Protein backbone atom coordinates (compact mmCIF):
# COMPACT_ATOMS: atom_id res chain seq x y z
CA MET A 1 0.00 0.00 0.00
CA ARG A 2 2.78 2.41 0.96
CA LYS A 3 4.69 1.58 -2.20
CA SER A 4 1.63 2.35 -4.31
CA LEU A 5 1.22 5.78 -2.67
CA VAL A 6 4.89 6.66 -3.34
CA ILE A 7 4.57 5.73 -7.02
CA SER A 8 1.40 7.85 -7.37
CA ALA A 9 3.10 10.86 -5.76
CA LEU A 10 6.11 10.59 -8.05
CA ALA A 11 3.83 10.41 -11.09
CA LEU A 12 1.93 13.52 -9.96
CA VAL A 13 5.18 15.48 -9.47
CA ALA A 14 6.51 14.39 -12.86
CA GLY A 15 3.27 15.40 -14.58
CA GLY A 16 3.25 18.82 -12.93
CA GLY A 17 6.89 19.39 -13.88
CA ALA A 18 6.14 18.55 -17.50
CA ALA A 19 3.21 20.95 -17.54
CA PHE A 20 5.38 23.68 -15.99
CA ALA A 21 8.12 23.06 -18.55
CA ALA A 22 5.56 23.32 -21.38
CA ASP A 23 4.62 26.79 -20.14
CA LEU A 24 8.22 28.04 -20.33
CA PRO A 25 9.27 29.92 -23.56
CA ALA A 26 11.43 27.98 -25.94
CA ALA A 27 15.11 28.73 -25.60
CA ASN A 28 15.36 29.95 -29.21
CA ALA A 29 12.04 31.87 -29.36
CA PRO A 30 12.49 35.43 -30.76
CA MET A 31 12.14 38.26 -28.24
CA PHE A 32 9.63 41.06 -29.05
CA THR A 33 11.24 44.50 -29.06
CA PRO A 34 8.78 47.41 -29.31
CA SER A 35 9.62 50.24 -31.71
CA PRO A 36 10.83 53.42 -29.98
CA VAL A 37 8.15 56.09 -29.65
CA PHE A 38 8.84 59.05 -31.97
CA THR A 39 8.56 62.60 -30.68
CA TRP A 40 8.92 65.92 -32.48
CA THR A 41 10.30 67.57 -29.35
CA GLY A 42 13.87 68.77 -29.73
CA PHE A 43 16.35 71.01 -31.49
CA TYR A 44 17.00 70.57 -35.23
CA LEU A 45 19.29 71.82 -38.00
CA GLY A 46 18.79 71.49 -41.74
CA VAL A 47 19.17 72.75 -45.29
CA ASN A 48 16.67 73.67 -48.01
CA ALA A 49 16.39 74.64 -51.67
CA GLY A 50 13.62 75.72 -54.02
CA VAL A 51 12.23 78.47 -56.20
CA ALA A 52 11.27 82.07 -55.36
CA TRP A 53 9.42 84.71 -57.34
CA ASN A 54 8.29 88.28 -56.72
CA ASN A 55 6.76 91.32 -58.37
CA GLY A 56 9.43 93.59 -59.83
CA GLY A 57 7.43 96.75 -59.11
CA SER A 58 6.88 99.75 -61.38
CA ILE A 59 8.51 102.93 -62.65
CA THR A 60 6.78 106.33 -62.99
CA VAL A 61 8.38 109.21 -64.89
CA VAL A 62 6.91 112.68 -64.39
CA ASP A 63 7.38 114.33 -67.78
CA PRO A 64 7.42 118.17 -67.51
CA VAL A 65 5.21 118.33 -70.60
CA LEU A 66 3.18 115.08 -70.69
CA GLY A 67 2.82 114.52 -66.95
CA PRO A 68 3.20 111.16 -65.18
CA GLN A 69 3.99 108.15 -67.37
CA SER A 70 4.13 104.68 -65.80
CA THR A 71 5.21 101.19 -66.72
CA GLY A 72 5.57 97.88 -64.92
CA VAL A 73 9.00 96.33 -64.58
CA GLY A 74 7.89 92.72 -64.36
CA SER A 75 8.33 89.81 -62.01
CA ARG A 76 11.54 88.03 -61.09
CA THR A 77 11.97 84.30 -60.60
CA GLY A 78 15.00 82.36 -59.47
CA PHE A 79 16.67 79.86 -57.17
CA ILE A 80 16.58 80.07 -53.38
CA GLY A 81 18.59 77.96 -50.96
CA GLY A 82 20.02 78.04 -47.47
CA GLY A 83 19.78 76.60 -43.99
CA GLN A 84 17.42 76.56 -41.02
CA ALA A 85 17.45 75.85 -37.30
CA GLY A 86 14.60 75.46 -34.84
CA TYR A 87 13.11 73.89 -31.74
CA ASN A 88 9.86 71.94 -31.33
CA ILE A 89 7.80 71.00 -28.28
CA GLN A 90 5.17 68.26 -28.71
CA SER A 91 2.15 68.05 -26.41
CA GLY A 92 -0.15 65.24 -27.43
CA ALA A 93 -0.77 65.68 -31.14
CA LEU A 94 0.03 69.42 -31.09
CA VAL A 95 3.53 70.63 -31.94
CA TYR A 96 4.74 74.15 -31.15
CA GLY A 97 8.05 75.60 -32.23
CA ILE A 98 10.17 78.41 -33.58
CA GLU A 99 12.37 78.39 -36.68
CA THR A 100 14.87 80.78 -38.19
CA ASP A 101 16.47 80.53 -41.63
CA ILE A 102 18.89 82.39 -43.88
CA GLN A 103 18.67 82.13 -47.68
CA GLY A 104 20.60 83.12 -50.77
CA LEU A 105 18.61 84.36 -53.79
CA THR A 106 19.39 84.39 -57.50
CA ASN A 107 16.56 86.24 -59.22
CA GLY A 108 16.57 86.65 -62.97
CA GLY A 109 14.34 89.39 -64.36
CA SER A 110 13.96 92.07 -66.98
CA SER A 111 15.94 94.96 -68.43
CA ILE A 112 14.16 97.82 -70.20
CA ASN A 113 14.92 101.03 -72.06
CA TRP A 114 11.66 102.81 -71.65
CA GLY A 115 9.95 104.36 -74.67
CA PRO A 116 10.80 107.98 -75.42
CA TYR A 117 13.03 108.25 -72.35
CA GLY A 118 16.31 107.01 -73.71
CA PHE A 119 18.06 108.02 -70.50
CA LEU A 120 15.96 105.60 -68.43
CA HIS A 121 17.43 102.14 -68.33
CA VAL A 122 16.03 99.89 -65.61
CA SER A 123 17.57 96.50 -64.86
CA THR A 124 16.10 94.00 -62.42
CA SER A 125 18.36 91.12 -63.36
CA GLY A 126 21.34 89.94 -61.36
CA ASN A 127 21.86 88.62 -57.88
CA GLY A 128 18.77 88.72 -55.71
CA GLY A 129 20.87 89.01 -52.56
CA TRP A 130 19.67 87.34 -49.37
CA LEU A 131 16.57 86.71 -47.28
CA GLY A 132 16.00 85.61 -43.69
CA THR A 133 12.95 84.77 -41.58
CA THR A 134 12.20 84.06 -37.93
CA ARG A 135 8.82 82.33 -37.58
CA GLY A 136 6.63 80.52 -35.13
CA ARG A 137 5.26 77.10 -36.12
CA VAL A 138 2.10 75.34 -34.92
CA GLY A 139 1.37 71.86 -36.21
CA TYR A 140 -0.66 68.70 -35.82
CA ALA A 141 1.27 65.43 -35.67
CA ILE A 142 -0.07 62.18 -37.04
CA ASP A 143 2.68 59.93 -35.68
CA ARG A 144 5.66 60.73 -37.94
CA THR A 145 3.78 63.18 -40.21
CA LEU A 146 3.50 66.83 -39.19
CA LEU A 147 1.12 69.32 -40.81
CA TYR A 148 1.90 72.90 -39.80
CA VAL A 149 1.28 76.60 -40.36
CA THR A 150 3.95 79.22 -39.83
CA GLY A 151 4.35 82.99 -39.66
CA GLY A 152 6.68 85.70 -38.46
CA VAL A 153 9.15 88.40 -39.43
CA ALA A 154 11.12 88.43 -42.69
CA TYR A 155 14.12 90.56 -43.60
CA GLY A 156 16.51 90.99 -46.50
CA GLY A 157 16.11 92.07 -50.12
CA PHE A 158 13.41 89.87 -51.59
CA ASN A 159 11.38 92.89 -52.78
CA SER A 160 14.09 95.28 -53.91
CA ASN A 161 13.10 98.51 -55.62
CA PRO A 162 13.63 98.68 -59.41
CA LEU A 163 15.64 101.88 -58.94
CA ASN A 164 18.34 99.89 -57.16
CA GLY A 165 20.21 99.98 -60.46
CA SER A 166 21.60 96.48 -60.90
CA GLY A 167 18.65 94.97 -59.08
CA ASN A 168 20.79 93.81 -56.16
CA ALA A 169 18.85 93.55 -52.94
CA THR A 170 18.78 96.08 -50.17
CA SER A 171 17.80 95.24 -46.60
CA ASN A 172 14.10 95.55 -45.84
CA VAL A 173 11.83 94.20 -43.08
CA GLY A 174 8.39 92.64 -43.52
CA TYR A 175 6.57 89.39 -42.83
CA ALA A 176 6.30 85.78 -43.97
CA LEU A 177 3.25 83.46 -43.81
CA GLY A 178 2.79 79.90 -44.99
CA GLY A 179 2.61 76.23 -44.16
CA GLY A 180 3.98 72.83 -44.97
CA ILE A 181 4.23 69.13 -44.31
CA GLU A 182 7.13 67.32 -42.65
CA TYR A 183 7.79 63.59 -42.33
CA ALA A 184 10.23 61.76 -40.06
CA PHE A 185 11.68 58.86 -42.04
CA THR A 186 14.00 57.85 -39.16
CA GLN A 187 14.20 58.75 -35.47
CA ASN A 188 16.50 61.68 -36.31
CA TRP A 189 15.99 62.62 -39.96
CA THR A 190 12.96 64.48 -41.34
CA ALA A 191 12.05 65.86 -44.78
CA LYS A 192 9.67 68.73 -45.51
CA VAL A 193 7.97 70.67 -48.29
CA GLU A 194 7.01 74.26 -47.48
CA ALA A 195 5.36 77.24 -49.17
CA LEU A 196 5.68 80.85 -47.95
CA TYR A 197 4.30 84.23 -48.94
CA VAL A 198 6.87 86.95 -48.21
CA ASN A 199 6.35 90.71 -48.33
CA LEU A 200 9.35 93.02 -47.92
CA ASN A 201 7.98 96.14 -49.54
CA ALA A 202 10.92 98.53 -49.82
CA GLY A 203 8.74 101.59 -50.40
CA ASP A 204 9.31 104.27 -53.03
CA ARG A 205 12.63 105.53 -54.36
CA THR A 206 12.91 108.79 -56.27
CA ALA A 207 15.59 110.08 -58.63
CA TYR A 208 15.83 113.32 -60.61
CA VAL A 209 17.25 113.04 -64.10
CA THR A 210 18.15 115.98 -66.38
CA SER A 211 17.89 115.34 -70.10
CA GLY A 212 17.59 117.87 -72.96
CA GLY A 213 17.46 120.74 -70.50
CA LEU A 214 14.43 119.27 -68.73
CA VAL A 215 14.27 117.67 -65.25
CA TYR A 216 12.38 114.39 -65.00
CA THR A 217 11.22 112.92 -61.68
CA VAL A 218 11.61 109.13 -61.73
CA THR A 219 9.89 107.12 -58.97
CA GLY A 220 10.34 103.39 -58.41
CA LYS A 221 7.88 101.29 -56.44
CA SER A 222 8.93 97.88 -55.15
CA GLY A 223 6.86 94.75 -55.67
CA ASN A 224 3.93 93.78 -53.47
CA GLY A 225 5.37 90.48 -52.31
CA GLY A 226 6.32 87.10 -53.61
CA GLY A 227 6.29 83.38 -53.04
CA ILE A 228 8.69 80.62 -52.05
CA VAL A 229 8.26 76.89 -52.57
CA ARG A 230 11.11 74.80 -51.17
CA ALA A 231 12.03 71.36 -49.94
CA GLY A 232 14.26 70.72 -46.96
CA ILE A 233 15.83 68.10 -44.75
CA ASN A 234 16.39 68.35 -40.97
CA TYR A 235 18.39 66.46 -38.38
CA LEU A 236 16.52 66.24 -35.07
CA PHE A 237 18.79 66.04 -32.00
């Protein structure tokens, strides 16, 4: 009788051990590693390039005999490129931040000898100079995709006056508004496409030109603004 009880106990222990062993993970089973959670919070640096265009403004000549005579100078389009730096803070799906950038401009344009005024040669071709902005950004994050609007101060020579002679930019201050989309394709690298409206109206410039014994008043008005479409890449620290 005692021998029978010992055998039954050993069988019960062996069965329980086998069941416990079956519940253990296999030695070679792959371990699950969750993907790191992405956040837009942090400092970033990047570069960008694209196209920029703006209104070239207009020229008015006050003829002592005929009175004011006006003509448009035409728009300018060219390459824009540079770098940017900024900082984001993410709270839930909302992303707040500030960004500053500095750009180089190469704006082609027009060159005119205006009608009866052979002395008046206006050139808006040549180097467009430089442009910078400092803007706030507010966006909505869908995981690694960020949709955002942006706005702030702009400065530089994007809207130079046609009486600047060679068309090279002078320093003006205005504003920039726009928006874009940015995507994080790794934990640290993001790519974006952005569009901005920039207005750096330089105001009027006036020159007095003497020709044939007569004095002509020549006034140049800068353009009313322009646009930028650019792509960029950022490294998020």
